[in-house]
């Protein structure tokens, strides 16, 4: 999994909760504060461990955490990718374009 997802989650935890809360989540998940700075990609299991610890520390469900993080991250993502979006597209149009692009990319790799 790309490190950008971990960076977004870290930003969410720190900005919406606190650095102290994020440190507790890291400690509970078994990671150090420098672990997520060490690579561009991580195992999916790393994210799951982080989310499991976050649910326990924050008292939120996994889905609530992912939704809150997605709401916080979406404006920045849309800004970064606005060159690829067309005026008048709705959410479904964007989703269809992403799926189409992912399929093309996967076929090119294989």
N, C-alpha and C. Protein backbone atom coordinates (compact mmCIF):
# COMPACT_ATOMS: atom_id res chain seq x y z
N UNK A 1 0.85 -1.16 0.00
CA UNK A 1 0.00 0.00 0.00
C UNK A 1 0.90 1.23 0.00
N UNK A 2 0.53 2.23 -0.76
CA UNK A 2 1.34 3.43 -0.87
C UNK A 2 1.36 4.21 0.44
N UNK A 3 2.51 4.77 0.76
CA UNK A 3 2.70 5.49 2.02
C UNK A 3 1.79 6.71 2.15
N UNK A 4 1.30 7.25 1.05
CA UNK A 4 0.44 8.44 1.12
C UNK A 4 -0.78 8.18 1.99
N UNK A 5 -1.28 6.97 1.99
CA UNK A 5 -2.44 6.63 2.81
C UNK A 5 -2.08 6.72 4.29
N UNK A 6 -0.90 6.25 4.64
CA UNK A 6 -0.45 6.33 6.02
C UNK A 6 -0.21 7.78 6.44
N UNK A 7 0.34 8.57 5.53
CA UNK A 7 0.58 9.99 5.81
C UNK A 7 -0.75 10.71 6.04
N UNK A 8 -1.75 10.42 5.20
CA UNK A 8 -3.06 11.03 5.39
C UNK A 8 -3.68 10.64 6.74
N UNK A 9 -3.55 9.38 7.10
CA UNK A 9 -4.08 8.94 8.40
C UNK A 9 -3.35 9.62 9.55
N UNK A 10 -2.03 9.71 9.44
CA UNK A 10 -1.25 10.38 10.48
C UNK A 10 -1.71 11.83 10.62
N UNK A 11 -1.87 12.52 9.50
CA UNK A 11 -2.33 13.91 9.51
C UNK A 11 -3.71 14.02 10.18
N UNK A 12 -4.59 13.10 9.83
CA UNK A 12 -5.92 13.09 10.44
C UNK A 12 -5.82 12.91 11.96
N UNK A 13 -5.07 11.91 12.41
CA UNK A 13 -4.96 11.64 13.84
C UNK A 13 -4.39 12.84 14.59
N UNK A 14 -3.34 13.45 14.05
CA UNK A 14 -2.69 14.57 14.73
C UNK A 14 -3.55 15.82 14.70
N UNK A 15 -4.10 16.17 13.52
CA UNK A 15 -4.85 17.42 13.40
C UNK A 15 -6.23 17.35 14.04
N UNK A 16 -6.89 16.22 13.96
CA UNK A 16 -8.25 16.11 14.49
C UNK A 16 -8.28 15.62 15.93
N UNK A 17 -7.19 15.02 16.38
CA UNK A 17 -7.13 14.51 17.75
C UNK A 17 -5.94 15.16 18.46
N UNK A 18 -4.74 14.61 18.32
CA UNK A 18 -3.53 15.25 18.87
C UNK A 18 -2.32 14.37 18.57
N UNK A 19 -1.14 14.95 18.71
CA UNK A 19 0.09 14.18 18.54
C UNK A 19 0.16 13.09 19.61
N UNK A 20 -0.28 13.42 20.80
CA UNK A 20 -0.28 12.46 21.90
C UNK A 20 -1.16 11.25 21.57
N UNK A 21 -2.32 11.51 20.99
CA UNK A 21 -3.22 10.41 20.59
C UNK A 21 -2.55 9.56 19.51
N UNK A 22 -1.94 10.21 18.52
CA UNK A 22 -1.27 9.46 17.46
C UNK A 22 -0.14 8.61 18.05
N UNK A 23 0.61 9.17 19.00
CA UNK A 23 1.67 8.40 19.64
C UNK A 23 1.11 7.18 20.36
N UNK A 24 -0.05 7.32 21.01
CA UNK A 24 -0.69 6.18 21.67
C UNK A 24 -1.11 5.12 20.66
N UNK A 25 -1.63 5.57 19.51
CA UNK A 25 -2.04 4.64 18.45
C UNK A 25 -0.83 3.88 17.94
N UNK A 26 0.26 4.61 17.68
CA UNK A 26 1.49 3.95 17.21
C UNK A 26 1.98 2.93 18.23
N UNK A 27 2.03 3.32 19.49
CA UNK A 27 2.50 2.44 20.55
C UNK A 27 1.64 1.18 20.63
N UNK A 28 0.33 1.36 20.59
CA UNK A 28 -0.59 0.22 20.68
C UNK A 28 -0.47 -0.69 19.46
N UNK A 29 -0.16 -0.13 18.29
CA UNK A 29 -0.04 -0.94 17.08
C UNK A 29 1.34 -1.58 16.94
N UNK A 30 2.29 -1.15 17.79
CA UNK A 30 3.63 -1.74 17.74
C UNK A 30 4.59 -1.03 16.81
N UNK A 31 4.23 0.14 16.32
CA UNK A 31 5.09 0.89 15.41
C UNK A 31 5.76 2.05 16.13
N UNK A 32 6.91 2.47 15.61
CA UNK A 32 7.58 3.66 16.14
C UNK A 32 7.19 4.86 15.28
N UNK A 33 7.47 6.05 15.78
CA UNK A 33 7.10 7.27 15.04
C UNK A 33 7.87 7.39 13.73
N UNK A 34 9.02 6.75 13.61
CA UNK A 34 9.80 6.86 12.37
C UNK A 34 9.48 5.76 11.37
N UNK A 35 8.73 4.74 11.78
CA UNK A 35 8.46 3.61 10.88
C UNK A 35 7.82 4.06 9.57
N UNK A 36 6.81 4.93 9.64
CA UNK A 36 6.08 5.32 8.45
C UNK A 36 6.82 6.37 7.62
N UNK A 37 7.99 6.76 8.06
CA UNK A 37 8.82 7.67 7.27
C UNK A 37 9.88 6.89 6.50
N UNK A 38 9.92 5.58 6.68
CA UNK A 38 11.04 4.78 6.18
C UNK A 38 10.86 4.19 4.80
N UNK A 39 9.68 4.32 4.21
CA UNK A 39 9.44 3.64 2.94
C UNK A 39 8.33 4.33 2.16
N UNK A 40 8.24 3.99 0.88
CA UNK A 40 7.16 4.51 0.05
C UNK A 40 5.96 3.58 0.04
N UNK A 41 6.19 2.33 0.38
CA UNK A 41 5.12 1.33 0.37
C UNK A 41 5.17 0.50 1.65
N UNK A 42 3.99 0.08 2.09
CA UNK A 42 3.87 -0.73 3.30
C UNK A 42 2.92 -1.90 3.03
N UNK A 43 3.04 -2.91 3.87
CA UNK A 43 2.13 -4.04 3.78
C UNK A 43 0.73 -3.60 4.20
N UNK A 44 -0.29 -4.18 3.57
CA UNK A 44 -1.67 -3.87 3.95
C UNK A 44 -1.92 -4.18 5.42
N UNK A 45 -1.24 -5.19 5.93
CA UNK A 45 -1.43 -5.57 7.33
C UNK A 45 -0.99 -4.45 8.28
N UNK A 46 -0.02 -3.63 7.85
CA UNK A 46 0.42 -2.49 8.68
C UNK A 46 -0.73 -1.52 8.89
N UNK A 47 -1.45 -1.23 7.83
CA UNK A 47 -2.59 -0.31 7.93
C UNK A 47 -3.66 -0.91 8.84
N UNK A 48 -3.90 -2.20 8.70
CA UNK A 48 -4.92 -2.85 9.53
C UNK A 48 -4.54 -2.80 11.01
N UNK A 49 -3.26 -3.00 11.31
CA UNK A 49 -2.81 -2.90 12.71
C UNK A 49 -3.00 -1.48 13.24
N UNK A 50 -2.68 -0.50 12.41
CA UNK A 50 -2.84 0.90 12.80
C UNK A 50 -4.32 1.23 13.05
N UNK A 51 -5.18 0.77 12.15
CA UNK A 51 -6.62 1.02 12.31
C UNK A 51 -7.19 0.31 13.53
N UNK A 52 -6.75 -0.92 13.77
CA UNK A 52 -7.23 -1.65 14.94
C UNK A 52 -6.85 -0.90 16.22
N UNK A 53 -5.62 -0.43 16.30
CA UNK A 53 -5.18 0.33 17.47
C UNK A 53 -5.96 1.63 17.59
N UNK A 54 -6.22 2.28 16.46
CA UNK A 54 -6.96 3.55 16.48
C UNK A 54 -8.39 3.35 16.97
N UNK A 55 -9.02 2.25 16.60
CA UNK A 55 -10.39 2.00 17.07
C UNK A 55 -10.42 1.88 18.59
N UNK A 56 -9.40 1.24 19.14
CA UNK A 56 -9.34 1.06 20.59
C UNK A 56 -9.03 2.38 21.31
N UNK A 57 -8.10 3.16 20.77
CA UNK A 57 -7.71 4.42 21.41
C UNK A 57 -8.80 5.48 21.27
N UNK A 58 -9.41 5.57 20.08
CA UNK A 58 -10.38 6.64 19.82
C UNK A 58 -11.81 6.26 20.19
N UNK A 59 -12.08 4.97 20.32
CA UNK A 59 -13.45 4.55 20.59
C UNK A 59 -14.36 4.75 19.38
N UNK A 60 -13.77 4.72 18.20
CA UNK A 60 -14.51 4.86 16.94
C UNK A 60 -14.42 3.53 16.20
N UNK A 61 -15.37 3.29 15.30
CA UNK A 61 -15.27 2.10 14.45
C UNK A 61 -14.27 2.35 13.34
N UNK A 62 -13.82 1.27 12.73
CA UNK A 62 -12.91 1.37 11.58
C UNK A 62 -13.53 2.22 10.49
N UNK A 63 -14.82 1.99 10.23
CA UNK A 63 -15.52 2.72 9.18
C UNK A 63 -15.61 4.20 9.50
N UNK A 64 -15.85 4.54 10.77
CA UNK A 64 -15.92 5.96 11.16
C UNK A 64 -14.57 6.65 10.96
N UNK A 65 -13.49 5.96 11.28
CA UNK A 65 -12.15 6.53 11.11
C UNK A 65 -11.86 6.74 9.63
N UNK A 66 -12.14 5.72 8.80
CA UNK A 66 -11.86 5.84 7.37
C UNK A 66 -12.72 6.92 6.73
N UNK A 67 -13.98 7.03 7.14
CA UNK A 67 -14.85 8.07 6.60
C UNK A 67 -14.35 9.46 7.00
N UNK A 68 -14.02 9.64 8.26
CA UNK A 68 -13.53 10.94 8.73
C UNK A 68 -12.23 11.32 8.02
N UNK A 69 -11.34 10.35 7.85
CA UNK A 69 -10.09 10.61 7.15
C UNK A 69 -10.36 10.94 5.68
N UNK A 70 -11.27 10.22 5.06
CA UNK A 70 -11.60 10.47 3.65
C UNK A 70 -12.20 11.84 3.44
N UNK A 71 -13.07 12.26 4.35
CA UNK A 71 -13.67 13.60 4.25
C UNK A 71 -12.58 14.66 4.37
N UNK A 72 -11.63 14.43 5.27
CA UNK A 72 -10.53 15.39 5.45
C UNK A 72 -9.58 15.39 4.24
N UNK A 73 -9.32 14.23 3.67
CA UNK A 73 -8.34 14.11 2.58
C UNK A 73 -8.91 14.47 1.21
N UNK A 74 -10.22 14.33 1.02
CA UNK A 74 -10.82 14.50 -0.31
C UNK A 74 -10.53 15.83 -0.99
N UNK A 75 -10.67 16.97 -0.31
CA UNK A 75 -10.40 18.24 -1.00
C UNK A 75 -8.98 18.33 -1.57
N UNK A 76 -8.00 17.87 -0.81
CA UNK A 76 -6.62 17.89 -1.28
C UNK A 76 -6.41 16.96 -2.46
N UNK A 77 -7.03 15.79 -2.40
CA UNK A 77 -6.91 14.84 -3.51
C UNK A 77 -7.54 15.40 -4.78
N UNK A 78 -8.71 16.00 -4.64
CA UNK A 78 -9.37 16.59 -5.80
C UNK A 78 -8.53 17.73 -6.38
N UNK A 79 -7.92 18.50 -5.51
CA UNK A 79 -7.05 19.60 -5.98
C UNK A 79 -5.85 19.05 -6.75
N UNK A 80 -5.25 17.99 -6.22
CA UNK A 80 -4.07 17.38 -6.87
C UNK A 80 -4.40 16.79 -8.23
N UNK A 81 -5.61 16.28 -8.38
CA UNK A 81 -5.97 15.57 -9.60
C UNK A 81 -6.96 16.34 -10.48
N UNK A 82 -7.15 17.62 -10.21
CA UNK A 82 -8.15 18.38 -10.95
C UNK A 82 -7.84 18.45 -12.45
N UNK A 83 -6.59 18.33 -12.83
CA UNK A 83 -6.24 18.35 -14.25
C UNK A 83 -6.84 17.15 -14.99
N UNK A 84 -7.15 16.10 -14.25
CA UNK A 84 -7.70 14.88 -14.86
C UNK A 84 -9.23 14.85 -14.83
N UNK A 85 -9.83 15.82 -14.17
CA UNK A 85 -11.28 15.86 -14.03
C UNK A 85 -11.88 16.81 -15.06
N UNK A 86 -13.10 16.52 -15.46
CA UNK A 86 -13.78 17.38 -16.41
C UNK A 86 -14.91 18.14 -15.71
N UNK A 87 -15.10 19.39 -16.13
CA UNK A 87 -16.21 20.17 -15.58
C UNK A 87 -17.51 19.41 -15.79
N UNK A 88 -18.34 19.44 -14.81
CA UNK A 88 -19.64 18.80 -14.92
C UNK A 88 -19.67 17.36 -14.45
N UNK A 89 -18.51 16.78 -14.16
CA UNK A 89 -18.49 15.41 -13.66
C UNK A 89 -19.08 15.36 -12.26
N UNK A 90 -19.86 14.31 -11.99
CA UNK A 90 -20.34 14.09 -10.64
C UNK A 90 -19.49 12.98 -10.01
N UNK A 91 -19.83 12.59 -8.82
CA UNK A 91 -19.04 11.58 -8.10
C UNK A 91 -18.96 10.27 -8.86
N UNK A 92 -20.07 9.85 -9.45
CA UNK A 92 -20.07 8.59 -10.20
C UNK A 92 -19.15 8.68 -11.42
N UNK A 93 -19.14 9.82 -12.11
CA UNK A 93 -18.25 10.00 -13.26
C UNK A 93 -16.78 9.86 -12.82
N UNK A 94 -16.45 10.47 -11.70
CA UNK A 94 -15.07 10.39 -11.19
C UNK A 94 -14.72 8.95 -10.86
N UNK A 95 -15.63 8.25 -10.20
CA UNK A 95 -15.39 6.86 -9.83
C UNK A 95 -15.20 5.98 -11.07
N UNK A 96 -16.02 6.19 -12.08
CA UNK A 96 -15.90 5.41 -13.32
C UNK A 96 -14.56 5.67 -14.00
N UNK A 97 -14.11 6.91 -14.00
CA UNK A 97 -12.82 7.25 -14.61
C UNK A 97 -11.68 6.61 -13.84
N UNK A 98 -11.76 6.61 -12.53
CA UNK A 98 -10.72 5.99 -11.71
C UNK A 98 -10.66 4.49 -12.00
N UNK A 99 -11.81 3.84 -12.02
CA UNK A 99 -11.83 2.40 -12.30
C UNK A 99 -11.29 2.09 -13.69
N UNK A 100 -11.67 2.90 -14.66
CA UNK A 100 -11.19 2.71 -16.02
C UNK A 100 -9.67 2.89 -16.09
N UNK A 101 -9.18 3.92 -15.43
CA UNK A 101 -7.73 4.18 -15.42
C UNK A 101 -6.98 3.05 -14.73
N UNK A 102 -7.52 2.57 -13.62
CA UNK A 102 -6.87 1.47 -12.91
C UNK A 102 -6.81 0.22 -13.77
N UNK A 103 -7.88 -0.07 -14.50
CA UNK A 103 -7.90 -1.24 -15.38
C UNK A 103 -6.86 -1.09 -16.48
N UNK A 104 -6.78 0.09 -17.09
CA UNK A 104 -5.78 0.32 -18.15
C UNK A 104 -4.37 0.15 -17.60
N UNK A 105 -4.11 0.68 -16.41
CA UNK A 105 -2.80 0.60 -15.79
C UNK A 105 -2.44 -0.86 -15.49
N UNK A 106 -3.39 -1.62 -14.97
CA UNK A 106 -3.15 -3.02 -14.64
C UNK A 106 -2.85 -3.83 -15.89
N UNK A 107 -3.58 -3.57 -16.95
CA UNK A 107 -3.34 -4.29 -18.22
C UNK A 107 -1.97 -3.97 -18.77
N UNK A 108 -1.54 -2.72 -18.66
CA UNK A 108 -0.22 -2.33 -19.15
C UNK A 108 0.89 -3.01 -18.37
N UNK A 109 0.70 -3.20 -17.08
CA UNK A 109 1.72 -3.84 -16.25
C UNK A 109 1.82 -5.32 -16.56
N UNK A 110 0.67 -5.96 -16.73
CA UNK A 110 0.65 -7.40 -16.96
C UNK A 110 1.10 -7.66 -18.36
